[in-house]
All heavy atoms as atom14 arrays in JSON, in Angstrom:
{
  "sequence": "GPQVPALQHGAMRQSESIRHLWRDGAMTLALGLGGGPSINVTTGRAVG",
  "atom14_mask": [
    [1, 1, 1, 1, 0, 0, 0, 0, 0, 0, 0, 0, 0, 0],
    [1, 1, 1, 1, 1, 1, 1, 0, 0, 0, 0, 0, 0, 0],
    [1, 1, 1, 1, 1, 1, 1, 1, 1, 0, 0, 0, 0, 0],
    [1, 1, 1, 1, 1, 1, 1, 0, 0, 0, 0, 0, 0, 0],
    [1, 1, 1, 1, 1, 1, 1, 0, 0, 0, 0, 0, 0, 0],
    [1, 1, 1, 1, 1, 0, 0, 0, 0, 0, 0, 0, 0, 0],
    [1, 1, 1, 1, 1, 1, 1, 1, 0, 0, 0, 0, 0, 0],
    [1, 1, 1, 1, 1, 1, 1, 1, 1, 0, 0, 0, 0, 0],
    [1, 1, 1, 1, 1, 1, 1, 1, 1, 1, 0, 0, 0, 0],
    [1, 1, 1, 1, 0, 0, 0, 0, 0, 0, 0, 0, 0, 0],
    [1, 1, 1, 1, 1, 0, 0, 0, 0, 0, 0, 0, 0, 0],
    [1, 1, 1, 1, 1, 1, 1, 1, 0, 0, 0, 0, 0, 0],
    [1, 1, 1, 1, 1, 1, 1, 1, 1, 1, 1, 0, 0, 0],
    [1, 1, 1, 1, 1, 1, 1, 1, 1, 0, 0, 0, 0, 0],
    [1, 1, 1, 1, 1, 1, 0, 0, 0, 0, 0, 0, 0, 0],
    [1, 1, 1, 1, 1, 1, 1, 1, 1, 0, 0, 0, 0, 0],
    [1, 1, 1, 1, 1, 1, 0, 0, 0, 0, 0, 0, 0, 0],
    [1, 1, 1, 1, 1, 1, 1, 1, 0, 0, 0, 0, 0, 0],
    [1, 1, 1, 1, 1, 1, 1, 1, 1, 1, 1, 0, 0, 0],
    [1, 1, 1, 1, 1, 1, 1, 1, 1, 1, 0, 0, 0, 0],
    [1, 1, 1, 1, 1, 1, 1, 1, 0, 0, 0, 0, 0, 0],
    [1, 1, 1, 1, 1, 1, 1, 1, 1, 1, 1, 1, 1, 1],
    [1, 1, 1, 1, 1, 1, 1, 1, 1, 1, 1, 0, 0, 0],
    [1, 1, 1, 1, 1, 1, 1, 1, 0, 0, 0, 0, 0, 0],
    [1, 1, 1, 1, 0, 0, 0, 0, 0, 0, 0, 0, 0, 0],
    [1, 1, 1, 1, 1, 0, 0, 0, 0, 0, 0, 0, 0, 0],
    [1, 1, 1, 1, 1, 1, 1, 1, 0, 0, 0, 0, 0, 0],
    [1, 1, 1, 1, 1, 1, 1, 0, 0, 0, 0, 0, 0, 0],
    [1, 1, 1, 1, 1, 1, 1, 1, 0, 0, 0, 0, 0, 0],
    [1, 1, 1, 1, 1, 0, 0, 0, 0, 0, 0, 0, 0, 0],
    [1, 1, 1, 1, 1, 1, 1, 1, 0, 0, 0, 0, 0, 0],
    [1, 1, 1, 1, 0, 0, 0, 0, 0, 0, 0, 0, 0, 0],
    [1, 1, 1, 1, 1, 1, 1, 1, 0, 0, 0, 0, 0, 0],
    [1, 1, 1, 1, 0, 0, 0, 0, 0, 0, 0, 0, 0, 0],
    [1, 1, 1, 1, 0, 0, 0, 0, 0, 0, 0, 0, 0, 0],
    [1, 1, 1, 1, 0, 0, 0, 0, 0, 0, 0, 0, 0, 0],
    [1, 1, 1, 1, 1, 1, 1, 0, 0, 0, 0, 0, 0, 0],
    [1, 1, 1, 1, 1, 1, 0, 0, 0, 0, 0, 0, 0, 0],
    [1, 1, 1, 1, 1, 1, 1, 1, 0, 0, 0, 0, 0, 0],
    [1, 1, 1, 1, 1, 1, 1, 1, 0, 0, 0, 0, 0, 0],
    [1, 1, 1, 1, 1, 1, 1, 0, 0, 0, 0, 0, 0, 0],
    [1, 1, 1, 1, 1, 1, 1, 0, 0, 0, 0, 0, 0, 0],
    [1, 1, 1, 1, 1, 1, 1, 0, 0, 0, 0, 0, 0, 0],
    [1, 1, 1, 1, 0, 0, 0, 0, 0, 0, 0, 0, 0, 0],
    [1, 1, 1, 1, 1, 1, 1, 1, 1, 1, 1, 0, 0, 0],
    [1, 1, 1, 1, 1, 0, 0, 0, 0, 0, 0, 0, 0, 0],
    [1, 1, 1, 1, 1, 1, 1, 0, 0, 0, 0, 0, 0, 0],
    [1, 1, 1, 1, 0, 0, 0, 0, 0, 0, 0, 0, 0, 0]
  ],
  "atom14_positions": [
    [[-31.51, 112.86, 78.47], [-31.11, 114.2, 78.07], [-32.16, 114.92, 77.26], [-33.22, 114.39, 76.93], [0.0, 0.0, 0.0], [0.0, 0.0, 0.0], [0.0, 0.0, 0.0], [0.0, 0.0, 0.0], [0.0, 0.0, 0.0], [0.0, 0.0, 0.0], [0.0, 0.0, 0.0], [0.0, 0.0, 0.0], [0.0, 0.0, 0.0], [0.0, 0.0, 0.0]],
    [[-31.87, 116.17, 76.89], [-32.81, 116.99, 76.13], [-32.73, 116.71, 74.63], [-31.77, 116.11, 74.15], [-32.33, 118.41, 76.43], [-30.85, 118.25, 76.57], [-30.64, 116.92, 77.25], [0.0, 0.0, 0.0], [0.0, 0.0, 0.0], [0.0, 0.0, 0.0], [0.0, 0.0, 0.0], [0.0, 0.0, 0.0], [0.0, 0.0, 0.0], [0.0, 0.0, 0.0]],
    [[-33.74, 117.18, 73.92], [-33.65, 117.21, 72.47], [-33.06, 118.54, 72.05], [-33.6, 119.6, 72.39], [-35.01, 117.03, 71.8], [-34.89, 117.02, 70.27], [-36.15, 117.43, 69.55], [-37.1, 117.93, 70.18], [-36.2, 117.23, 68.24], [0.0, 0.0, 0.0], [0.0, 0.0, 0.0], [0.0, 0.0, 0.0], [0.0, 0.0, 0.0], [0.0, 0.0, 0.0]],
    [[-31.94, 118.49, 71.33], [-31.3, 119.7, 70.8], [-31.16, 119.5, 69.3], [-30.33, 118.72, 68.86], [-29.92, 119.94, 71.45], [-29.29, 121.21, 70.89], [-30.04, 120.02, 72.97], [0.0, 0.0, 0.0], [0.0, 0.0, 0.0], [0.0, 0.0, 0.0], [0.0, 0.0, 0.0], [0.0, 0.0, 0.0], [0.0, 0.0, 0.0], [0.0, 0.0, 0.0]],
    [[-31.96, 120.18, 68.48], [-31.86, 120.02, 67.03], [-30.44, 120.26, 66.53], [-29.7, 121.1, 67.09], [-32.84, 121.07, 66.5], [-33.84, 121.23, 67.6], [-33.05, 121.1, 68.87], [0.0, 0.0, 0.0], [0.0, 0.0, 0.0], [0.0, 0.0, 0.0], [0.0, 0.0, 0.0], [0.0, 0.0, 0.0], [0.0, 0.0, 0.0], [0.0, 0.0, 0.0]],
    [[-30.05, 119.56, 65.48], [-28.67, 119.58, 65.02], [-28.17, 120.98, 64.7], [-27.06, 121.36, 65.08], [-28.52, 118.67, 63.8], [0.0, 0.0, 0.0], [0.0, 0.0, 0.0], [0.0, 0.0, 0.0], [0.0, 0.0, 0.0], [0.0, 0.0, 0.0], [0.0, 0.0, 0.0], [0.0, 0.0, 0.0], [0.0, 0.0, 0.0], [0.0, 0.0, 0.0]],
    [[-28.97, 121.77, 64.0], [-28.51, 123.11, 63.64], [-28.46, 124.04, 64.84], [-27.62, 124.95, 64.9], [-29.39, 123.68, 62.53], [-29.3, 122.95, 61.19], [-30.18, 123.63, 60.15], [-27.85, 122.88, 60.69], [0.0, 0.0, 0.0], [0.0, 0.0, 0.0], [0.0, 0.0, 0.0], [0.0, 0.0, 0.0], [0.0, 0.0, 0.0], [0.0, 0.0, 0.0]],
    [[-29.33, 123.82, 65.82], [-29.25, 124.59, 67.06], [-27.97, 124.23, 67.8], [-27.28, 125.12, 68.33], [-30.46, 124.3, 67.93], [-30.46, 125.05, 69.26], [-31.67, 124.71, 70.12], [-32.74, 124.39, 69.62], [-31.5, 124.75, 71.43], [0.0, 0.0, 0.0], [0.0, 0.0, 0.0], [0.0, 0.0, 0.0], [0.0, 0.0, 0.0], [0.0, 0.0, 0.0]],
    [[-27.65, 122.95, 67.83], [-26.39, 122.53, 68.45], [-25.21, 123.14, 67.72], [-24.26, 123.65, 68.33], [-26.29, 121.0, 68.43], [-25.09, 120.46, 69.13], [-24.53, 119.24, 68.8], [-24.33, 120.95, 70.14], [-23.49, 119.02, 69.57], [-23.35, 120.04, 70.4], [0.0, 0.0, 0.0], [0.0, 0.0, 0.0], [0.0, 0.0, 0.0], [0.0, 0.0, 0.0]],
    [[-25.26, 123.13, 66.39], [-24.16, 123.66, 65.61], [-23.96, 125.16, 65.78], [-22.87, 125.68, 65.5], [0.0, 0.0, 0.0], [0.0, 0.0, 0.0], [0.0, 0.0, 0.0], [0.0, 0.0, 0.0], [0.0, 0.0, 0.0], [0.0, 0.0, 0.0], [0.0, 0.0, 0.0], [0.0, 0.0, 0.0], [0.0, 0.0, 0.0], [0.0, 0.0, 0.0]],
    [[-24.99, 125.86, 66.23], [-24.88, 127.3, 66.45], [-24.35, 127.64, 67.83], [-24.08, 128.81, 68.13], [-26.24, 127.97, 66.23], [0.0, 0.0, 0.0], [0.0, 0.0, 0.0], [0.0, 0.0, 0.0], [0.0, 0.0, 0.0], [0.0, 0.0, 0.0], [0.0, 0.0, 0.0], [0.0, 0.0, 0.0], [0.0, 0.0, 0.0], [0.0, 0.0, 0.0]],
    [[-24.22, 126.63, 68.7], [-23.76, 126.89, 70.06], [-22.26, 127.17, 70.12], [-21.49, 126.67, 69.29], [-24.04, 125.67, 70.96], [-25.48, 125.43, 71.27], [-25.65, 123.94, 72.33], [-27.4, 123.98, 72.67], [0.0, 0.0, 0.0], [0.0, 0.0, 0.0], [0.0, 0.0, 0.0], [0.0, 0.0, 0.0], [0.0, 0.0, 0.0], [0.0, 0.0, 0.0]],
    [[-21.85, 127.95, 71.11], [-20.43, 128.02, 71.45], [-20.01, 126.68, 72.03], [-20.83, 125.91, 72.52], [-20.16, 129.14, 72.46], [-20.48, 130.54, 71.95], [-20.05, 131.6, 72.95], [-20.73, 131.45, 74.23], [-21.91, 131.96, 74.52], [-22.57, 132.67, 73.61], [-22.48, 131.79, 75.71], [0.0, 0.0, 0.0], [0.0, 0.0, 0.0], [0.0, 0.0, 0.0]],
    [[-18.71, 126.4, 72.0], [-18.23, 125.13, 72.54], [-18.61, 124.97, 74.01], [-19.01, 123.88, 74.44], [-16.7, 125.02, 72.38], [-16.23, 124.85, 70.96], [-16.1, 126.17, 70.23], [-15.68, 127.17, 70.79], [-16.46, 126.19, 68.96], [0.0, 0.0, 0.0], [0.0, 0.0, 0.0], [0.0, 0.0, 0.0], [0.0, 0.0, 0.0], [0.0, 0.0, 0.0]],
    [[-18.54, 126.06, 74.77], [-18.9, 125.98, 76.18], [-20.38, 125.65, 76.36], [-20.75, 124.94, 77.3], [-18.57, 127.31, 76.88], [-19.27, 128.38, 76.26], [0.0, 0.0, 0.0], [0.0, 0.0, 0.0], [0.0, 0.0, 0.0], [0.0, 0.0, 0.0], [0.0, 0.0, 0.0], [0.0, 0.0, 0.0], [0.0, 0.0, 0.0], [0.0, 0.0, 0.0]],
    [[-21.23, 126.14, 75.46], [-22.66, 125.83, 75.54], [-22.9, 124.35, 75.22], [-23.72, 123.69, 75.86], [-23.44, 126.7, 74.56], [-23.52, 128.17, 74.92], [-24.29, 128.95, 73.89], [-23.86, 129.0, 72.72], [-25.36, 129.5, 74.24], [0.0, 0.0, 0.0], [0.0, 0.0, 0.0], [0.0, 0.0, 0.0], [0.0, 0.0, 0.0], [0.0, 0.0, 0.0]],
    [[-22.22, 123.84, 74.23], [-22.35, 122.42, 73.89], [-21.97, 121.55, 75.08], [-22.69, 120.62, 75.44], [-21.47, 122.08, 72.68], [-21.45, 120.69, 72.44], [0.0, 0.0, 0.0], [0.0, 0.0, 0.0], [0.0, 0.0, 0.0], [0.0, 0.0, 0.0], [0.0, 0.0, 0.0], [0.0, 0.0, 0.0], [0.0, 0.0, 0.0], [0.0, 0.0, 0.0]],
    [[-20.87, 121.88, 75.71], [-20.41, 121.1, 76.86], [-21.43, 121.18, 77.99], [-21.72, 120.18, 78.66], [-19.03, 121.6, 77.32], [-17.96, 121.21, 76.27], [-18.66, 121.02, 78.68], [-16.61, 121.82, 76.54], [0.0, 0.0, 0.0], [0.0, 0.0, 0.0], [0.0, 0.0, 0.0], [0.0, 0.0, 0.0], [0.0, 0.0, 0.0], [0.0, 0.0, 0.0]],
    [[-22.01, 122.32, 78.2], [-22.95, 122.49, 79.3], [-24.27, 121.77, 79.04], [-24.85, 121.19, 79.95], [-23.21, 123.99, 79.53], [-24.12, 124.28, 80.72], [-24.07, 125.73, 81.13], [-24.6, 126.62, 80.11], [-23.88, 127.44, 79.36], [-22.57, 127.47, 79.52], [-24.42, 128.23, 78.47], [0.0, 0.0, 0.0], [0.0, 0.0, 0.0], [0.0, 0.0, 0.0]],
    [[-24.74, 121.78, 77.81], [-26.08, 121.26, 77.52], [-26.11, 119.8, 77.05], [-27.12, 119.12, 77.26], [-26.76, 122.14, 76.46], [-27.07, 123.52, 76.92], [-28.02, 123.78, 77.9], [-26.57, 124.72, 76.57], [-28.09, 125.08, 78.1], [-27.22, 125.67, 77.32], [0.0, 0.0, 0.0], [0.0, 0.0, 0.0], [0.0, 0.0, 0.0], [0.0, 0.0, 0.0]],
    [[-25.04, 119.32, 76.4], [-25.1, 117.99, 75.8], [-24.09, 116.99, 76.34], [-24.23, 115.8, 76.1], [-24.9, 118.08, 74.27], [-26.1, 118.58, 73.48], [-26.09, 120.1, 73.37], [-26.11, 118.01, 72.06], [0.0, 0.0, 0.0], [0.0, 0.0, 0.0], [0.0, 0.0, 0.0], [0.0, 0.0, 0.0], [0.0, 0.0, 0.0], [0.0, 0.0, 0.0]],
    [[-23.08, 117.44, 77.06], [-22.05, 116.54, 77.56], [-22.38, 116.17, 79.0], [-22.65, 117.03, 79.83], [-20.68, 117.21, 77.5], [-20.22, 117.55, 76.11], [-20.87, 118.34, 75.21], [-19.0, 117.13, 75.49], [-20.13, 118.44, 74.05], [-18.99, 117.71, 74.19], [-17.93, 116.34, 75.9], [-17.93, 117.51, 73.31], [-16.88, 116.14, 75.01], [-16.89, 116.71, 73.73]],
    [[-22.35, 114.9, 79.29], [-22.64, 114.45, 80.66], [-21.63, 115.03, 81.63], [-20.43, 115.02, 81.39], [-22.65, 112.91, 80.73], [-23.02, 112.4, 82.1], [-23.26, 110.91, 82.08], [-24.45, 110.57, 81.3], [-25.68, 110.63, 81.77], [-25.9, 111.06, 83.0], [-26.7, 110.29, 81.01], [0.0, 0.0, 0.0], [0.0, 0.0, 0.0], [0.0, 0.0, 0.0]],
    [[-22.16, 115.54, 82.74], [-21.33, 116.13, 83.8], [-20.45, 117.27, 83.29], [-19.38, 117.53, 83.84], [-20.42, 115.06, 84.45], [-21.21, 113.96, 85.13], [-22.35, 114.22, 85.58], [-20.71, 112.82, 85.19], [0.0, 0.0, 0.0], [0.0, 0.0, 0.0], [0.0, 0.0, 0.0], [0.0, 0.0, 0.0], [0.0, 0.0, 0.0], [0.0, 0.0, 0.0]],
    [[-20.89, 117.95, 82.23], [-20.08, 119.03, 81.69], [-18.72, 118.55, 81.24], [-17.73, 119.28, 81.32], [0.0, 0.0, 0.0], [0.0, 0.0, 0.0], [0.0, 0.0, 0.0], [0.0, 0.0, 0.0], [0.0, 0.0, 0.0], [0.0, 0.0, 0.0], [0.0, 0.0, 0.0], [0.0, 0.0, 0.0], [0.0, 0.0, 0.0], [0.0, 0.0, 0.0]],
    [[-18.64, 117.29, 80.78], [-17.4, 116.66, 80.29], [-16.38, 116.45, 81.41], [-15.18, 116.36, 81.16], [-16.78, 117.47, 79.16], [0.0, 0.0, 0.0], [0.0, 0.0, 0.0], [0.0, 0.0, 0.0], [0.0, 0.0, 0.0], [0.0, 0.0, 0.0], [0.0, 0.0, 0.0], [0.0, 0.0, 0.0], [0.0, 0.0, 0.0], [0.0, 0.0, 0.0]],
    [[-16.86, 116.34, 82.67], [-15.94, 116.21, 83.8], [-16.02, 114.86, 84.5], [-15.52, 114.69, 85.6], [-16.23, 117.33, 84.81], [-15.95, 118.73, 84.29], [-14.22, 118.98, 83.84], [-13.47, 118.99, 85.47], [0.0, 0.0, 0.0], [0.0, 0.0, 0.0], [0.0, 0.0, 0.0], [0.0, 0.0, 0.0], [0.0, 0.0, 0.0], [0.0, 0.0, 0.0]],
    [[-16.64, 113.85, 83.87], [-16.65, 112.52, 84.47], [-15.23, 111.98, 84.58], [-14.42, 112.14, 83.66], [-17.5, 111.55, 83.62], [-18.81, 112.09, 83.48], [-17.59, 110.18, 84.26], [0.0, 0.0, 0.0], [0.0, 0.0, 0.0], [0.0, 0.0, 0.0], [0.0, 0.0, 0.0], [0.0, 0.0, 0.0], [0.0, 0.0, 0.0], [0.0, 0.0, 0.0]],
    [[-14.93, 111.32, 85.69], [-13.57, 110.83, 85.92], [-13.6, 109.36, 86.33], [-14.38, 108.97, 87.2], [-12.89, 111.65, 87.01], [-11.39, 111.41, 87.22], [-10.61, 111.97, 86.03], [-10.92, 112.06, 88.52], [0.0, 0.0, 0.0], [0.0, 0.0, 0.0], [0.0, 0.0, 0.0], [0.0, 0.0, 0.0], [0.0, 0.0, 0.0], [0.0, 0.0, 0.0]],
    [[-12.78, 108.56, 85.67], [-12.53, 107.19, 86.12], [-11.31, 107.24, 87.03], [-10.21, 107.6, 86.6], [-12.29, 106.26, 84.94], [0.0, 0.0, 0.0], [0.0, 0.0, 0.0], [0.0, 0.0, 0.0], [0.0, 0.0, 0.0], [0.0, 0.0, 0.0], [0.0, 0.0, 0.0], [0.0, 0.0, 0.0], [0.0, 0.0, 0.0], [0.0, 0.0, 0.0]],
    [[-11.5, 106.9, 88.3], [-10.43, 107.03, 89.29], [-9.38, 105.96, 89.08], [-9.67, 104.76, 89.08], [-11.02, 106.93, 90.69], [-12.11, 107.95, 91.03], [-12.72, 107.64, 92.4], [-11.53, 109.36, 91.0], [0.0, 0.0, 0.0], [0.0, 0.0, 0.0], [0.0, 0.0, 0.0], [0.0, 0.0, 0.0], [0.0, 0.0, 0.0], [0.0, 0.0, 0.0]],
    [[-8.14, 106.37, 88.92], [-7.05, 105.43, 88.69], [-6.69, 104.67, 89.95], [-6.54, 105.25, 91.03], [0.0, 0.0, 0.0], [0.0, 0.0, 0.0], [0.0, 0.0, 0.0], [0.0, 0.0, 0.0], [0.0, 0.0, 0.0], [0.0, 0.0, 0.0], [0.0, 0.0, 0.0], [0.0, 0.0, 0.0], [0.0, 0.0, 0.0], [0.0, 0.0, 0.0]],
    [[-6.55, 103.37, 89.84], [-6.15, 102.5, 90.94], [-4.81, 101.86, 90.63], [-4.4, 101.74, 89.47], [-7.2, 101.41, 91.16], [-8.65, 101.85, 91.45], [-9.55, 100.63, 91.6], [-8.71, 102.74, 92.68], [0.0, 0.0, 0.0], [0.0, 0.0, 0.0], [0.0, 0.0, 0.0], [0.0, 0.0, 0.0], [0.0, 0.0, 0.0], [0.0, 0.0, 0.0]],
    [[-4.12, 101.42, 91.68], [-2.89, 100.67, 91.5], [-1.77, 101.44, 90.84], [-0.9, 100.84, 90.19], [0.0, 0.0, 0.0], [0.0, 0.0, 0.0], [0.0, 0.0, 0.0], [0.0, 0.0, 0.0], [0.0, 0.0, 0.0], [0.0, 0.0, 0.0], [0.0, 0.0, 0.0], [0.0, 0.0, 0.0], [0.0, 0.0, 0.0], [0.0, 0.0, 0.0]],
    [[-1.77, 102.75, 90.98], [-0.69, 103.55, 90.4], [-0.94, 103.99, 88.97], [-0.11, 104.7, 88.4], [0.0, 0.0, 0.0], [0.0, 0.0, 0.0], [0.0, 0.0, 0.0], [0.0, 0.0, 0.0], [0.0, 0.0, 0.0], [0.0, 0.0, 0.0], [0.0, 0.0, 0.0], [0.0, 0.0, 0.0], [0.0, 0.0, 0.0], [0.0, 0.0, 0.0]],
    [[-2.08, 103.6, 88.38], [-2.38, 104.02, 87.02], [-3.02, 105.39, 86.99], [-3.39, 105.95, 88.02], [0.0, 0.0, 0.0], [0.0, 0.0, 0.0], [0.0, 0.0, 0.0], [0.0, 0.0, 0.0], [0.0, 0.0, 0.0], [0.0, 0.0, 0.0], [0.0, 0.0, 0.0], [0.0, 0.0, 0.0], [0.0, 0.0, 0.0], [0.0, 0.0, 0.0]],
    [[-3.17, 105.96, 85.79], [-3.73, 107.31, 85.69], [-5.23, 107.32, 85.91], [-5.93, 106.35, 85.64], [-3.4, 107.7, 84.24], [-3.36, 106.39, 83.51], [-2.79, 105.4, 84.48], [0.0, 0.0, 0.0], [0.0, 0.0, 0.0], [0.0, 0.0, 0.0], [0.0, 0.0, 0.0], [0.0, 0.0, 0.0], [0.0, 0.0, 0.0], [0.0, 0.0, 0.0]],
    [[-5.75, 108.43, 86.41], [-7.18, 108.7, 86.36], [-7.5, 109.19, 84.96], [-6.67, 109.82, 84.3], [-7.58, 109.73, 87.41], [-7.45, 109.2, 88.71], [0.0, 0.0, 0.0], [0.0, 0.0, 0.0], [0.0, 0.0, 0.0], [0.0, 0.0, 0.0], [0.0, 0.0, 0.0], [0.0, 0.0, 0.0], [0.0, 0.0, 0.0], [0.0, 0.0, 0.0]],
    [[-8.72, 108.91, 84.49], [-9.05, 109.15, 83.1], [-10.33, 109.96, 82.99], [-11.37, 109.58, 83.54], [-9.21, 107.81, 82.35], [-7.92, 106.98, 82.46], [-9.56, 108.04, 80.88], [-8.04, 105.57, 81.88], [0.0, 0.0, 0.0], [0.0, 0.0, 0.0], [0.0, 0.0, 0.0], [0.0, 0.0, 0.0], [0.0, 0.0, 0.0], [0.0, 0.0, 0.0]],
    [[-10.26, 111.07, 82.29], [-11.44, 111.87, 82.0], [-12.27, 111.15, 80.93], [-11.78, 110.88, 79.84], [-11.0, 113.25, 81.49], [-12.16, 114.11, 81.01], [-12.04, 114.76, 79.98], [-13.26, 114.11, 81.73], [0.0, 0.0, 0.0], [0.0, 0.0, 0.0], [0.0, 0.0, 0.0], [0.0, 0.0, 0.0], [0.0, 0.0, 0.0], [0.0, 0.0, 0.0]],
    [[-13.53, 110.82, 81.25], [-14.39, 110.05, 80.34], [-15.54, 110.95, 79.89], [-16.33, 111.42, 80.71], [-14.95, 108.79, 81.03], [-15.75, 107.96, 80.04], [-13.81, 107.95, 81.63], [0.0, 0.0, 0.0], [0.0, 0.0, 0.0], [0.0, 0.0, 0.0], [0.0, 0.0, 0.0], [0.0, 0.0, 0.0], [0.0, 0.0, 0.0], [0.0, 0.0, 0.0]],
    [[-15.64, 111.2, 78.59], [-16.67, 112.09, 78.07], [-17.71, 111.29, 77.29], [-17.37, 110.48, 76.44], [-16.07, 113.18, 77.17], [-15.27, 112.59, 76.15], [-15.21, 114.12, 77.99], [0.0, 0.0, 0.0], [0.0, 0.0, 0.0], [0.0, 0.0, 0.0], [0.0, 0.0, 0.0], [0.0, 0.0, 0.0], [0.0, 0.0, 0.0], [0.0, 0.0, 0.0]],
    [[-18.99, 111.55, 77.58], [-20.09, 110.93, 76.88], [-21.21, 111.96, 76.7], [-21.22, 113.0, 77.35], [-20.66, 109.72, 77.64], [-21.11, 110.14, 78.94], [-19.61, 108.62, 77.82], [0.0, 0.0, 0.0], [0.0, 0.0, 0.0], [0.0, 0.0, 0.0], [0.0, 0.0, 0.0], [0.0, 0.0, 0.0], [0.0, 0.0, 0.0], [0.0, 0.0, 0.0]],
    [[-22.16, 111.63, 75.83], [-23.25, 112.53, 75.54], [-24.47, 112.28, 76.41], [-24.67, 111.19, 76.93], [0.0, 0.0, 0.0], [0.0, 0.0, 0.0], [0.0, 0.0, 0.0], [0.0, 0.0, 0.0], [0.0, 0.0, 0.0], [0.0, 0.0, 0.0], [0.0, 0.0, 0.0], [0.0, 0.0, 0.0], [0.0, 0.0, 0.0], [0.0, 0.0, 0.0]],
    [[-25.28, 113.3, 76.54], [-26.53, 113.22, 77.29], [-27.56, 114.07, 76.56], [-27.8, 115.23, 76.88], [-26.32, 113.72, 78.73], [-27.55, 113.62, 79.64], [-27.23, 114.16, 81.02], [-28.44, 114.25, 81.85], [-29.27, 115.29, 81.85], [-29.04, 116.32, 81.05], [-30.34, 115.29, 82.63], [0.0, 0.0, 0.0], [0.0, 0.0, 0.0], [0.0, 0.0, 0.0]],
    [[-28.16, 113.49, 75.53], [-29.11, 114.21, 74.68], [-29.78, 113.2, 73.76], [-29.33, 112.05, 73.66], [-28.39, 115.27, 73.85], [0.0, 0.0, 0.0], [0.0, 0.0, 0.0], [0.0, 0.0, 0.0], [0.0, 0.0, 0.0], [0.0, 0.0, 0.0], [0.0, 0.0, 0.0], [0.0, 0.0, 0.0], [0.0, 0.0, 0.0], [0.0, 0.0, 0.0]],
    [[-30.85, 113.61, 73.1], [-31.45, 112.76, 72.08], [-30.43, 112.62, 70.95], [-30.06, 113.59, 70.3], [-32.77, 113.39, 71.55], [-33.29, 112.58, 70.37], [-33.81, 113.44, 72.66], [0.0, 0.0, 0.0], [0.0, 0.0, 0.0], [0.0, 0.0, 0.0], [0.0, 0.0, 0.0], [0.0, 0.0, 0.0], [0.0, 0.0, 0.0], [0.0, 0.0, 0.0]],
    [[-29.95, 111.41, 70.76], [-28.85, 111.16, 69.84], [-27.6, 110.69, 70.55], [-26.66, 110.19, 69.93], [0.0, 0.0, 0.0], [0.0, 0.0, 0.0], [0.0, 0.0, 0.0], [0.0, 0.0, 0.0], [0.0, 0.0, 0.0], [0.0, 0.0, 0.0], [0.0, 0.0, 0.0], [0.0, 0.0, 0.0], [0.0, 0.0, 0.0], [0.0, 0.0, 0.0]]
  ]
}
């Protein structure tokens, strides 16, 4: 991921943070098997 300085990140709108620092725009999905739920999995993609 990119380097985004902390104060620059803190100045972003929430939508900007999701677009620039969250992997897959926070849309990663673990597909549910055997009748269980599918699960939205959020992780970071940036220096840090």
